[in-house]
Amino acid sequence: MKFTLHDTFNGGTVSVHRSIETAVRAQLSHSRAVKRANGQNSFIPTRILCDGKRLDDNQQESALGIQWAIETGMLRA
């Protein structure tokens, strides 16, 4: 499987990953970089795609769990 971090505002690919965990980490990192460069209230909407399609329910739940674990410190960022 190939996970793609897709910029939904500009319609481009930000990065490509082999696991959903690395895609979630990239999404968080990209968000921090945008805020650092353009101010705390700025953002660029992104979406993680699996083989070019939206994540199914199980993958979405997994991605949210990974994001929660990273943000709470249970997984090292």
C-alpha atoms as a PDB file:
ATOM      1  CA  MET A   1       0.000   0.000   0.000  1.00  0.00           C
ATOM      2  CA  LYS A   2       1.094   3.538  -0.706  1.00  0.00           C
ATOM      3  CA  PHE A   3      -0.125   6.343   1.564  1.00  0.00           C
ATOM      4  CA  THR A   4      -0.111   9.838   0.095  1.00  0.00           C
ATOM      5  CA  LEU A   5      -0.385  13.108   1.997  1.00  0.00           C
ATOM      6  CA  HIS A   6      -2.506  15.226  -0.351  1.00  0.00           C
ATOM      7  CA  ASP A   7      -2.889  19.010  -0.185  1.00  0.00           C
ATOM      8  CA  THR A   8      -6.623  19.527  -0.772  1.00  0.00           C
ATOM      9  CA  PHE A   9      -6.298  23.321  -1.122  1.00  0.00           C
ATOM     10  CA  ASN A  10      -3.693  23.395  -3.907  1.00  0.00           C
ATOM     11  CA  GLY A  11      -4.475  19.927  -5.263  1.00  0.00           C
ATOM     12  CA  GLY A  12      -0.941  18.572  -4.991  1.00  0.00           C
ATOM     13  CA  THR A  13       0.935  15.744  -3.336  1.00  0.00           C
ATOM     14  CA  VAL A  14       2.943  16.732  -0.268  1.00  0.00           C
ATOM     15  CA  SER A  15       4.616  13.361   0.337  1.00  0.00           C
ATOM     16  CA  VAL A  16       4.304   9.594  -0.177  1.00  0.00           C
ATOM     17  CA  HIS A  17       4.752   6.956   2.552  1.00  0.00           C
ATOM     18  CA  ARG A  18       4.793   3.185   3.006  1.00  0.00           C
ATOM     19  CA  SER A  19       2.855   3.153   6.303  1.00  0.00           C
ATOM     20  CA  ILE A  20      -0.086   5.021   7.724  1.00  0.00           C
ATOM     21  CA  GLU A  21       1.981   5.964  10.790  1.00  0.00           C
ATOM     22  CA  THR A  22       4.591   7.807   8.742  1.00  0.00           C
ATOM     23  CA  ALA A  23       1.835   9.556   6.770  1.00  0.00           C
ATOM     24  CA  VAL A  24       0.227  10.758  10.023  1.00  0.00           C
ATOM     25  CA  ARG A  25       3.616  11.947  11.310  1.00  0.00           C
ATOM     26  CA  ALA A  26       4.174  13.815   8.036  1.00  0.00           C
ATOM     27  CA  GLN A  27       0.735  15.405   8.286  1.00  0.00           C
ATOM     28  CA  LEU A  28       1.468  16.677  11.801  1.00  0.00           C
ATOM     29  CA  SER A  29       4.921  17.867  10.777  1.00  0.00           C
ATOM     30  CA  HIS A  30       3.543  19.670   7.715  1.00  0.00           C
ATOM     31  CA  SER A  31       0.919  21.381   9.863  1.00  0.00           C
ATOM     32  CA  ARG A  32       3.576  22.581  12.338  1.00  0.00           C
ATOM     33  CA  ALA A  33       5.761  23.883   9.478  1.00  0.00           C
ATOM     34  CA  VAL A  34       2.873  25.860   7.961  1.00  0.00           C
ATOM     35  CA  LYS A  35       2.055  27.420  11.339  1.00  0.00           C
ATOM     36  CA  ARG A  36       5.714  28.245  11.984  1.00  0.00           C
ATOM     37  CA  ALA A  37       6.115  29.906   8.574  1.00  0.00           C
ATOM     38  CA  ASN A  38       2.791  31.760   8.365  1.00  0.00           C
ATOM     39  CA  GLY A  39       1.480  32.277  11.903  1.00  0.00           C
ATOM     40  CA  GLN A  40      -0.337  30.245  14.522  1.00  0.00           C
ATOM     41  CA  ASN A  41      -3.790  30.548  12.902  1.00  0.00           C
ATOM     42  CA  SER A  42      -2.726  29.452   9.409  1.00  0.00           C
ATOM     43  CA  PHE A  43      -3.273  26.002   7.922  1.00  0.00           C
ATOM     44  CA  ILE A  44      -3.365  24.087   4.681  1.00  0.00           C
ATOM     45  CA  PRO A  45      -6.004  21.343   4.609  1.00  0.00           C
ATOM     46  CA  THR A  46      -4.552  17.912   3.874  1.00  0.00           C
ATOM     47  CA  ARG A  47      -5.916  14.402   3.490  1.00  0.00           C
ATOM     48  CA  ILE A  48      -4.218  11.018   3.660  1.00  0.00           C
ATOM     49  CA  LEU A  49      -4.997   8.783   0.686  1.00  0.00           C
ATOM     50  CA  CYS A  50      -4.351   5.056   0.362  1.00  0.00           C
ATOM     51  CA  ASP A  51      -3.422   4.052  -3.184  1.00  0.00           C
ATOM     52  CA  GLY A  52      -5.076   7.250  -4.432  1.00  0.00           C
ATOM     53  CA  LYS A  53      -8.384   6.696  -2.609  1.00  0.00           C
ATOM     54  CA  ARG A  54      -9.802   8.036   0.649  1.00  0.00           C
ATOM     55  CA  LEU A  55      -9.080   5.965   3.754  1.00  0.00           C
ATOM     56  CA  ASP A  56     -11.715   3.399   4.677  1.00  0.00           C
ATOM     57  CA  ASP A  57     -13.266   3.429   8.172  1.00  0.00           C
ATOM     58  CA  ASN A  58     -10.685   1.070   9.688  1.00  0.00           C
ATOM     59  CA  GLN A  59      -7.757   3.019   8.262  1.00  0.00           C
ATOM     60  CA  GLN A  60      -9.285   6.321   9.376  1.00  0.00           C
ATOM     61  CA  GLU A  61      -9.759   4.987  12.903  1.00  0.00           C
ATOM     62  CA  SER A  62      -6.173   3.742  12.911  1.00  0.00           C
ATOM     63  CA  ALA A  63      -4.882   7.131  11.729  1.00  0.00           C
ATOM     64  CA  LEU A  64      -6.819   8.949  14.453  1.00  0.00           C
ATOM     65  CA  GLY A  65      -5.466   6.534  17.067  1.00  0.00           C
ATOM     66  CA  ILE A  66      -1.898   7.104  15.875  1.00  0.00           C
ATOM     67  CA  GLN A  67      -2.401  10.880  15.888  1.00  0.00           C
ATOM     68  CA  TRP A  68      -3.790  10.745  19.443  1.00  0.00           C
ATOM     69  CA  ALA A  69      -0.872   8.588  20.603  1.00  0.00           C
ATOM     70  CA  ILE A  70       1.679  10.996  19.107  1.00  0.00           C
ATOM     71  CA  GLU A  71      -0.016  14.094  20.541  1.00  0.00           C
ATOM     72  CA  THR A  72      -0.312  12.611  24.038  1.00  0.00           C
ATOM     73  CA  GLY A  73       3.271  11.403  24.058  1.00  0.00           C
ATOM     74  CA  MET A  74       2.517   7.686  23.974  1.00  0.00           C
ATOM     75  CA  LEU A  75       4.370   7.465  20.646  1.00  0.00           C
ATOM     76  CA  ARG A  76       7.558   9.409  20.204  1.00  0.00           C
ATOM     77  CA  ALA A  77       7.164  12.219  17.647  1.00  0.00           C
END
